[in-house]
Amino acid sequence: MPRIKSAKKRQRQTKVRTARNKAQRSSLRTAVKKVRNAQTAAEATEALKAAEALVDRAGRKNLIHRNAAARTKSRLAKLVTAKQG
């Protein structure tokens, strides 16, 4: 356990940020799964729109790397296009 006041504060901040990051990462993964598991092309397109927004935001906020966000979006778009054709 930290004894120094600043270390105690840092521990509290880390706890809050970890919880927030975990929740956001979970919702991001769920959105990506919805695109991958979509049955119809229309369903996949709707899910893609929602997932792209979350992936973009995660990339901007450094939840995931920007290139990882771009790669994920690209792969999902490719998957949806394949379902349509």
Protein backbone atom coordinates (compact mmCIF):
# COMPACT_ATOMS: atom_id res chain seq x y z
CA MET A 1 0.00 0.00 0.00
CA PRO A 2 1.28 3.45 -0.84
CA ARG A 3 2.13 5.78 2.02
CA ILE A 4 2.75 8.96 0.08
CA LYS A 5 -0.25 11.15 -0.67
CA SER A 6 0.52 11.49 -4.39
CA ALA A 7 0.98 7.72 -4.71
CA LYS A 8 -2.43 7.17 -3.09
CA LYS A 9 -4.00 9.58 -5.57
CA ARG A 10 -2.23 7.87 -8.47
CA GLN A 11 -3.61 4.53 -7.29
CA ARG A 12 -7.16 5.91 -7.19
CA GLN A 13 -6.80 7.39 -10.67
CA THR A 14 -5.41 4.17 -12.07
CA LYS A 15 -8.32 2.21 -10.62
CA VAL A 16 -10.89 4.53 -12.24
CA ARG A 17 -9.11 4.61 -15.60
CA THR A 18 -8.68 0.84 -15.67
CA ALA A 19 -12.40 0.34 -15.09
CA ARG A 20 -13.29 2.86 -17.81
CA ASN A 21 -10.86 1.34 -20.31
CA LYS A 22 -12.13 -2.16 -19.59
CA ALA A 23 -15.74 -1.11 -20.18
CA GLN A 24 -14.93 0.73 -23.41
CA ARG A 25 -12.78 -2.12 -24.72
CA SER A 26 -15.57 -4.57 -23.95
CA SER A 27 -18.20 -2.53 -25.81
CA LEU A 28 -15.77 -2.15 -28.72
CA ARG A 29 -15.24 -5.91 -28.94
CA THR A 30 -18.99 -6.53 -28.71
CA ALA A 31 -19.64 -4.11 -31.60
CA VAL A 32 -17.02 -5.84 -33.75
CA LYS A 33 -18.54 -9.25 -32.96
CA LYS A 34 -21.98 -8.00 -33.99
CA VAL A 35 -20.61 -7.12 -37.42
CA ARG A 36 -18.89 -10.49 -37.78
CA ASN A 37 -21.92 -12.48 -36.61
CA ALA A 38 -24.53 -10.54 -38.60
CA GLN A 39 -26.81 -12.83 -40.59
CA THR A 40 -27.97 -10.46 -43.33
CA ALA A 41 -26.16 -7.81 -45.34
CA ALA A 42 -28.46 -5.07 -44.03
CA GLU A 43 -27.85 -6.15 -40.45
CA ALA A 44 -24.09 -6.17 -41.09
CA THR A 45 -24.18 -2.69 -42.61
CA GLU A 46 -26.00 -1.26 -39.59
CA ALA A 47 -23.61 -2.98 -37.20
CA LEU A 48 -20.63 -1.73 -39.21
CA LYS A 49 -21.78 1.86 -38.91
CA ALA A 50 -21.96 1.59 -35.12
CA ALA A 51 -18.69 -0.34 -34.87
CA GLU A 52 -16.75 2.10 -37.05
CA ALA A 53 -17.72 4.99 -34.79
CA LEU A 54 -16.55 3.09 -31.69
CA VAL A 55 -13.32 1.95 -33.37
CA ASP A 56 -12.55 5.50 -34.51
CA ARG A 57 -13.12 6.87 -31.04
CA ALA A 58 -10.99 4.15 -29.46
CA GLY A 59 -8.18 5.03 -31.86
CA ARG A 60 -8.41 8.73 -31.08
CA LYS A 61 -8.46 8.12 -27.33
CA ASN A 62 -5.50 5.70 -27.49
CA LEU A 63 -7.60 2.82 -26.20
CA ILE A 64 -6.21 0.94 -29.19
CA HIS A 65 -3.48 2.04 -31.59
CA ARG A 66 -4.56 4.22 -34.51
CA ASN A 67 -3.25 1.72 -37.04
CA ALA A 68 -5.06 -1.13 -35.27
CA ALA A 69 -8.26 0.92 -35.50
CA ALA A 70 -7.75 1.50 -39.23
CA ARG A 71 -6.95 -2.16 -39.80
CA THR A 72 -10.05 -3.28 -37.90
CA LYS A 73 -12.30 -0.91 -39.86
CA SER A 74 -10.80 -2.09 -43.14
CA ARG A 75 -11.30 -5.76 -42.34
CA LEU A 76 -14.87 -5.22 -41.18
CA ALA A 77 -15.72 -3.21 -44.30
CA LYS A 78 -14.25 -5.97 -46.46
CA LEU A 79 -16.33 -8.56 -44.60
CA VAL A 80 -19.56 -6.57 -45.05
CA THR A 81 -18.84 -6.09 -48.75
CA ALA A 82 -18.38 -9.86 -49.12
CA LYS A 83 -21.72 -10.48 -47.39
CA GLN A 84 -23.46 -8.11 -49.80
CA GLY A 85 -22.03 -9.66 -52.93
